[in-house]
Amino acid sequence: MPAGRPTSYNDEVLTKSEEYIKTYDELGDVVPSAAGLADFLGVCKSTLYNWADIHPEFLDMLGKLNQKQERVLLANGLMKNFDSAITKLMLAKQGYADKQENINTNKNFTVSQEDADSVV
């Protein structure tokens, strides 16, 4: 048996997590977040990730939280309700990337950045 403090994880954690995802804006959060959920549950953010490692249903809950966050960021970013720099930064955590193609031209040949990146 591992030493340490007993877990406070129980069925109520899932219920309260669902409540947070549905009402995050009423609680004062602009977007749902792991930090907001942790605060709502009264635990450290790292505790959420520890629970997710042990309880598959909580891992799924964090997935729903991230999905909701992504949806809110996309909608409000496209409507220009959110600062574009912050939206871009937060969407990068969701896997979005700002890809730019640079083309370098020389007298004899042209190499795109994409071609240069593939050379190892």
N, C-alpha and C. Protein backbone atom coordinates (compact mmCIF):
# COMPACT_ATOMS: atom_id res chain seq x y z
N MET A 1 0.85 -1.18 0.00
CA MET A 1 0.00 0.00 0.00
C MET A 1 0.89 1.24 0.00
N PRO A 2 0.64 2.18 -0.95
CA PRO A 2 1.47 3.38 -1.00
C PRO A 2 1.23 4.29 0.20
N ALA A 3 2.31 4.89 0.62
CA ALA A 3 2.21 5.82 1.73
C ALA A 3 1.66 7.14 1.24
N GLY A 4 1.15 7.93 2.13
CA GLY A 4 0.65 9.24 1.74
C GLY A 4 -0.79 9.43 2.13
N ARG A 5 -1.27 10.55 1.75
CA ARG A 5 -2.62 10.95 2.08
C ARG A 5 -3.64 10.15 1.26
N PRO A 6 -4.74 9.73 1.86
CA PRO A 6 -5.77 9.01 1.10
C PRO A 6 -6.41 9.93 0.07
N THR A 7 -6.82 9.36 -1.05
CA THR A 7 -7.41 10.14 -2.12
C THR A 7 -8.79 10.66 -1.74
N SER A 8 -9.12 11.82 -2.24
CA SER A 8 -10.45 12.38 -2.02
C SER A 8 -11.34 12.13 -3.24
N TYR A 9 -10.86 11.31 -4.17
CA TYR A 9 -11.64 11.00 -5.37
C TYR A 9 -12.83 10.12 -5.01
N ASN A 10 -14.00 10.49 -5.54
CA ASN A 10 -15.20 9.69 -5.36
C ASN A 10 -16.17 10.03 -6.49
N ASP A 11 -17.35 9.44 -6.47
CA ASP A 11 -18.33 9.67 -7.54
C ASP A 11 -18.78 11.13 -7.62
N GLU A 12 -18.75 11.81 -6.49
CA GLU A 12 -19.14 13.22 -6.48
C GLU A 12 -18.18 14.08 -7.30
N VAL A 13 -16.92 13.67 -7.38
CA VAL A 13 -15.93 14.40 -8.18
C VAL A 13 -16.39 14.47 -9.64
N LEU A 14 -16.86 13.36 -10.18
CA LEU A 14 -17.35 13.35 -11.57
C LEU A 14 -18.57 14.25 -11.73
N THR A 15 -19.49 14.16 -10.80
CA THR A 15 -20.70 14.98 -10.85
C THR A 15 -20.36 16.47 -10.79
N LYS A 16 -19.47 16.83 -9.87
CA LYS A 16 -19.07 18.23 -9.74
C LYS A 16 -18.26 18.70 -10.95
N SER A 17 -17.49 17.80 -11.54
CA SER A 17 -16.72 18.16 -12.73
C SER A 17 -17.66 18.46 -13.90
N GLU A 18 -18.67 17.64 -14.06
CA GLU A 18 -19.68 17.90 -15.10
C GLU A 18 -20.37 19.23 -14.85
N GLU A 19 -20.67 19.51 -13.60
CA GLU A 19 -21.30 20.79 -13.23
C GLU A 19 -20.39 21.96 -13.62
N TYR A 20 -19.08 21.83 -13.34
CA TYR A 20 -18.14 22.89 -13.69
C TYR A 20 -18.13 23.14 -15.20
N ILE A 21 -18.07 22.07 -15.98
CA ILE A 21 -18.02 22.21 -17.44
C ILE A 21 -19.27 22.91 -17.97
N LYS A 22 -20.40 22.65 -17.35
CA LYS A 22 -21.66 23.27 -17.79
C LYS A 22 -21.81 24.71 -17.30
N THR A 23 -21.21 25.04 -16.16
CA THR A 23 -21.47 26.35 -15.54
C THR A 23 -20.22 27.19 -15.31
N TYR A 24 -19.12 26.86 -15.97
CA TYR A 24 -17.86 27.57 -15.74
C TYR A 24 -18.02 29.09 -15.89
N ASP A 25 -18.84 29.52 -16.87
CA ASP A 25 -19.00 30.95 -17.10
C ASP A 25 -19.77 31.62 -15.96
N GLU A 26 -20.74 30.91 -15.39
CA GLU A 26 -21.49 31.45 -14.25
C GLU A 26 -20.60 31.56 -13.01
N LEU A 27 -19.52 30.78 -13.00
CA LEU A 27 -18.58 30.79 -11.87
C LEU A 27 -17.49 31.84 -12.05
N GLY A 28 -17.54 32.58 -13.18
CA GLY A 28 -16.59 33.66 -13.40
C GLY A 28 -15.44 33.32 -14.33
N ASP A 29 -15.40 32.10 -14.86
CA ASP A 29 -14.33 31.73 -15.79
C ASP A 29 -14.74 32.09 -17.22
N VAL A 30 -13.83 32.66 -17.97
CA VAL A 30 -14.10 33.02 -19.36
C VAL A 30 -14.06 31.78 -20.24
N VAL A 31 -13.13 30.88 -19.95
CA VAL A 31 -13.05 29.58 -20.62
C VAL A 31 -12.91 28.51 -19.54
N PRO A 32 -13.42 27.31 -19.80
CA PRO A 32 -13.21 26.24 -18.83
C PRO A 32 -11.74 25.83 -18.86
N SER A 33 -11.20 25.49 -17.71
CA SER A 33 -9.79 25.13 -17.64
C SER A 33 -9.55 24.12 -16.52
N ALA A 34 -8.42 23.44 -16.60
CA ALA A 34 -8.03 22.52 -15.54
C ALA A 34 -7.83 23.28 -14.23
N ALA A 35 -7.25 24.48 -14.32
CA ALA A 35 -7.05 25.28 -13.11
C ALA A 35 -8.39 25.67 -12.49
N GLY A 36 -9.35 26.03 -13.35
CA GLY A 36 -10.67 26.38 -12.84
C GLY A 36 -11.37 25.19 -12.21
N LEU A 37 -11.25 24.02 -12.86
CA LEU A 37 -11.85 22.81 -12.31
C LEU A 37 -11.21 22.45 -10.97
N ALA A 38 -9.89 22.52 -10.90
CA ALA A 38 -9.20 22.20 -9.65
C ALA A 38 -9.66 23.13 -8.52
N ASP A 39 -9.76 24.40 -8.82
CA ASP A 39 -10.22 25.36 -7.83
C ASP A 39 -11.65 25.05 -7.39
N PHE A 40 -12.50 24.73 -8.36
CA PHE A 40 -13.89 24.39 -8.07
C PHE A 40 -14.00 23.16 -7.17
N LEU A 41 -13.12 22.19 -7.42
CA LEU A 41 -13.15 20.96 -6.62
C LEU A 41 -12.37 21.09 -5.31
N GLY A 42 -11.58 22.16 -5.18
CA GLY A 42 -10.81 22.37 -3.96
C GLY A 42 -9.57 21.50 -3.87
N VAL A 43 -8.96 21.20 -5.03
CA VAL A 43 -7.74 20.40 -5.06
C VAL A 43 -6.69 21.11 -5.90
N CYS A 44 -5.47 20.61 -5.87
CA CYS A 44 -4.40 21.12 -6.72
C CYS A 44 -4.60 20.60 -8.14
N LYS A 45 -4.12 21.35 -9.11
CA LYS A 45 -4.23 20.93 -10.51
C LYS A 45 -3.53 19.59 -10.74
N SER A 46 -2.41 19.38 -10.08
CA SER A 46 -1.70 18.11 -10.25
C SER A 46 -2.55 16.92 -9.79
N THR A 47 -3.42 17.15 -8.81
CA THR A 47 -4.31 16.09 -8.34
C THR A 47 -5.23 15.61 -9.46
N LEU A 48 -5.69 16.55 -10.30
CA LEU A 48 -6.54 16.17 -11.42
C LEU A 48 -5.83 15.17 -12.33
N TYR A 49 -4.57 15.45 -12.62
CA TYR A 49 -3.80 14.58 -13.51
C TYR A 49 -3.48 13.24 -12.84
N ASN A 50 -3.27 13.26 -11.53
CA ASN A 50 -3.08 12.00 -10.81
C ASN A 50 -4.34 11.15 -10.88
N TRP A 51 -5.50 11.77 -10.68
CA TRP A 51 -6.77 11.05 -10.79
C TRP A 51 -6.96 10.48 -12.20
N ALA A 52 -6.59 11.27 -13.20
CA ALA A 52 -6.75 10.84 -14.59
C ALA A 52 -5.88 9.62 -14.89
N ASP A 53 -4.71 9.52 -14.24
CA ASP A 53 -3.83 8.36 -14.43
C ASP A 53 -4.43 7.09 -13.83
N ILE A 54 -5.23 7.24 -12.80
CA ILE A 54 -5.77 6.09 -12.06
C ILE A 54 -7.20 5.74 -12.50
N HIS A 55 -7.99 6.76 -12.81
CA HIS A 55 -9.43 6.56 -13.08
C HIS A 55 -9.75 6.92 -14.53
N PRO A 56 -9.99 5.93 -15.38
CA PRO A 56 -10.27 6.21 -16.80
C PRO A 56 -11.47 7.14 -17.02
N GLU A 57 -12.46 7.04 -16.16
CA GLU A 57 -13.64 7.91 -16.30
C GLU A 57 -13.29 9.37 -16.04
N PHE A 58 -12.30 9.62 -15.19
CA PHE A 58 -11.88 11.00 -14.95
C PHE A 58 -11.00 11.50 -16.09
N LEU A 59 -10.22 10.63 -16.66
CA LEU A 59 -9.45 10.98 -17.85
C LEU A 59 -10.39 11.43 -18.96
N ASP A 60 -11.50 10.71 -19.11
CA ASP A 60 -12.52 11.09 -20.09
C ASP A 60 -13.11 12.46 -19.75
N MET A 61 -13.31 12.72 -18.47
CA MET A 61 -13.84 14.01 -18.03
C MET A 61 -12.88 15.15 -18.40
N LEU A 62 -11.58 14.93 -18.22
CA LEU A 62 -10.62 15.95 -18.61
C LEU A 62 -10.63 16.15 -20.12
N GLY A 63 -10.87 15.08 -20.86
CA GLY A 63 -11.01 15.20 -22.32
C GLY A 63 -12.20 16.07 -22.68
N LYS A 64 -13.30 15.90 -21.98
CA LYS A 64 -14.49 16.73 -22.22
C LYS A 64 -14.22 18.19 -21.87
N LEU A 65 -13.47 18.40 -20.81
CA LEU A 65 -13.10 19.76 -20.41
C LEU A 65 -12.27 20.42 -21.50
N ASN A 66 -11.27 19.72 -22.01
CA ASN A 66 -10.42 20.27 -23.08
C ASN A 66 -11.21 20.51 -24.36
N GLN A 67 -12.13 19.62 -24.66
CA GLN A 67 -12.97 19.78 -25.85
C GLN A 67 -13.85 21.03 -25.73
N LYS A 68 -14.42 21.23 -24.56
CA LYS A 68 -15.24 22.42 -24.32
C LYS A 68 -14.39 23.69 -24.43
N GLN A 69 -13.18 23.63 -23.86
CA GLN A 69 -12.28 24.77 -23.93
C GLN A 69 -11.96 25.10 -25.39
N GLU A 70 -11.64 24.09 -26.16
CA GLU A 70 -11.32 24.30 -27.57
C GLU A 70 -12.49 24.94 -28.31
N ARG A 71 -13.67 24.44 -28.07
CA ARG A 71 -14.87 24.97 -28.74
C ARG A 71 -15.11 26.44 -28.37
N VAL A 72 -14.97 26.77 -27.10
CA VAL A 72 -15.17 28.15 -26.65
C VAL A 72 -14.11 29.06 -27.26
N LEU A 73 -12.86 28.59 -27.28
CA LEU A 73 -11.78 29.40 -27.86
C LEU A 73 -11.99 29.64 -29.35
N LEU A 74 -12.35 28.58 -30.08
CA LEU A 74 -12.58 28.73 -31.52
C LEU A 74 -13.71 29.70 -31.81
N ALA A 75 -14.83 29.49 -31.16
CA ALA A 75 -16.01 30.34 -31.42
C ALA A 75 -15.72 31.80 -31.09
N ASN A 76 -15.17 32.05 -29.92
CA ASN A 76 -14.92 33.43 -29.51
C ASN A 76 -13.74 34.06 -30.24
N GLY A 77 -12.77 33.25 -30.62
CA GLY A 77 -11.67 33.76 -31.42
C GLY A 77 -12.13 34.18 -32.80
N LEU A 78 -12.96 33.35 -33.43
CA LEU A 78 -13.48 33.68 -34.76
C LEU A 78 -14.41 34.89 -34.73
N MET A 79 -15.14 35.04 -33.63
CA MET A 79 -16.05 36.19 -33.49
C MET A 79 -15.31 37.44 -33.00
N LYS A 80 -14.01 37.30 -32.74
CA LYS A 80 -13.15 38.38 -32.24
C LYS A 80 -13.60 38.90 -30.88
N ASN A 81 -14.18 38.01 -30.09
CA ASN A 81 -14.55 38.36 -28.72
C ASN A 81 -13.38 38.22 -27.77
N PHE A 82 -12.38 37.41 -28.15
CA PHE A 82 -11.19 37.19 -27.32
C PHE A 82 -9.98 37.83 -27.99
N ASP A 83 -9.01 38.19 -27.18
CA ASP A 83 -7.74 38.69 -27.69
C ASP A 83 -7.09 37.61 -28.55
N SER A 84 -6.69 37.97 -29.77
CA SER A 84 -6.18 36.98 -30.71
C SER A 84 -4.89 36.32 -30.23
N ALA A 85 -4.02 37.07 -29.57
CA ALA A 85 -2.75 36.50 -29.11
C ALA A 85 -2.98 35.44 -28.03
N ILE A 86 -3.87 35.72 -27.10
CA ILE A 86 -4.16 34.76 -26.04
C ILE A 86 -4.89 33.55 -26.60
N THR A 87 -5.82 33.78 -27.52
CA THR A 87 -6.54 32.67 -28.15
C THR A 87 -5.56 31.76 -28.88
N LYS A 88 -4.65 32.37 -29.62
CA LYS A 88 -3.65 31.60 -30.37
C LYS A 88 -2.78 30.78 -29.40
N LEU A 89 -2.36 31.39 -28.32
CA LEU A 89 -1.54 30.71 -27.32
C LEU A 89 -2.29 29.52 -26.72
N MET A 90 -3.53 29.73 -26.35
CA MET A 90 -4.31 28.67 -25.72
C MET A 90 -4.65 27.56 -26.72
N LEU A 91 -4.91 27.91 -27.97
CA LEU A 91 -5.20 26.88 -28.97
C LEU A 91 -3.96 26.07 -29.32
N ALA A 92 -2.79 26.63 -29.13
CA ALA A 92 -1.55 25.87 -29.34
C ALA A 92 -1.50 24.68 -28.38
N LYS A 93 -2.03 24.86 -27.18
CA LYS A 93 -2.09 23.76 -26.21
C LYS A 93 -3.08 22.69 -26.64
N GLN A 94 -3.99 23.05 -27.54
CA GLN A 94 -4.98 22.10 -28.08
C GLN A 94 -4.47 21.42 -29.35
N GLY A 95 -3.25 21.75 -29.76
CA GLY A 95 -2.68 21.11 -30.93
C GLY A 95 -2.70 21.95 -32.20
N TYR A 96 -3.22 23.15 -32.12
CA TYR A 96 -3.25 24.03 -33.27
C TYR A 96 -1.88 24.68 -33.44
N ALA A 97 -1.51 24.95 -34.70
CA ALA A 97 -0.22 25.57 -34.96
C ALA A 97 -0.35 26.59 -36.07
N ASP A 98 0.45 27.61 -35.99
CA ASP A 98 0.51 28.64 -37.01
C ASP A 98 1.69 28.29 -37.90
N LYS A 99 1.41 27.72 -39.06
CA LYS A 99 2.48 27.28 -39.95
C LYS A 99 2.70 28.33 -41.02
N GLN A 100 3.95 28.69 -41.19
CA GLN A 100 4.32 29.65 -42.22
C GLN A 100 5.29 28.99 -43.18
N GLU A 101 5.10 29.25 -44.45
CA GLU A 101 6.02 28.72 -45.45
C GLU A 101 6.94 29.84 -45.90
N ASN A 102 8.22 29.63 -45.72
CA ASN A 102 9.23 30.60 -46.16
C ASN A 102 9.91 30.05 -47.40
N ILE A 103 10.05 30.88 -48.41
CA ILE A 103 10.73 30.48 -49.63
C ILE A 103 11.97 31.32 -49.79
N ASN A 104 13.11 30.65 -49.87
CA ASN A 104 14.39 31.31 -50.08
C ASN A 104 14.77 31.12 -51.54
N THR A 105 15.07 32.20 -52.22
CA THR A 105 15.40 32.12 -53.63
C THR A 105 16.86 32.47 -53.85
N ASN A 106 17.53 31.66 -54.64
CA ASN A 106 18.91 31.87 -55.03
C ASN A 106 18.94 31.93 -56.55
N LYS A 107 19.99 32.44 -57.13
CA LYS A 107 20.13 32.54 -58.58
C LYS A 107 19.89 31.20 -59.28
N ASN A 108 20.39 30.14 -58.67
CA ASN A 108 20.40 28.84 -59.33
C ASN A 108 19.25 27.92 -58.91
N PHE A 109 18.67 28.12 -57.74
CA PHE A 109 17.61 27.22 -57.30
C PHE A 109 16.75 27.88 -56.22
N THR A 110 15.58 27.27 -55.99
CA THR A 110 14.65 27.74 -54.97
C THR A 110 14.40 26.59 -54.00
N VAL A 111 14.47 26.90 -52.71
CA VAL A 111 14.22 25.89 -51.68
C VAL A 111 13.14 26.44 -50.76
N SER A 112 12.06 25.69 -50.61
CA SER A 112 11.03 26.11 -49.65
C SER A 112 11.44 25.65 -48.25
N GLN A 113 10.91 26.28 -47.23
CA GLN A 113 11.22 25.92 -45.85
C GLN A 113 10.80 24.49 -45.58
N GLU A 114 9.69 24.07 -46.18
CA GLU A 114 9.19 22.72 -45.99
C GLU A 114 10.21 21.70 -46.50
N ASP A 115 10.83 21.96 -47.67
CA ASP A 115 11.86 21.08 -48.21
C ASP A 115 13.08 21.08 -47.29
N ALA A 116 13.46 22.24 -46.79
CA ALA A 116 14.62 22.36 -45.93
C ALA A 116 14.41 21.61 -44.62
N ASP A 117 13.17 21.63 -44.11
CA ASP A 117 12.88 20.93 -42.87
C ASP A 117 12.98 19.42 -43.02
N SER A 118 12.74 18.93 -44.22
CA SER A 118 12.77 17.49 -44.43
C SER A 118 14.18 16.95 -44.61
N VAL A 119 15.17 17.82 -44.81
CA VAL A 119 16.56 17.40 -44.94
C VAL A 119 17.15 17.24 -43.55
N VAL A 120 17.69 16.07 -43.27
CA VAL A 120 18.27 15.84 -41.94
C VAL A 120 19.73 15.53 -42.05
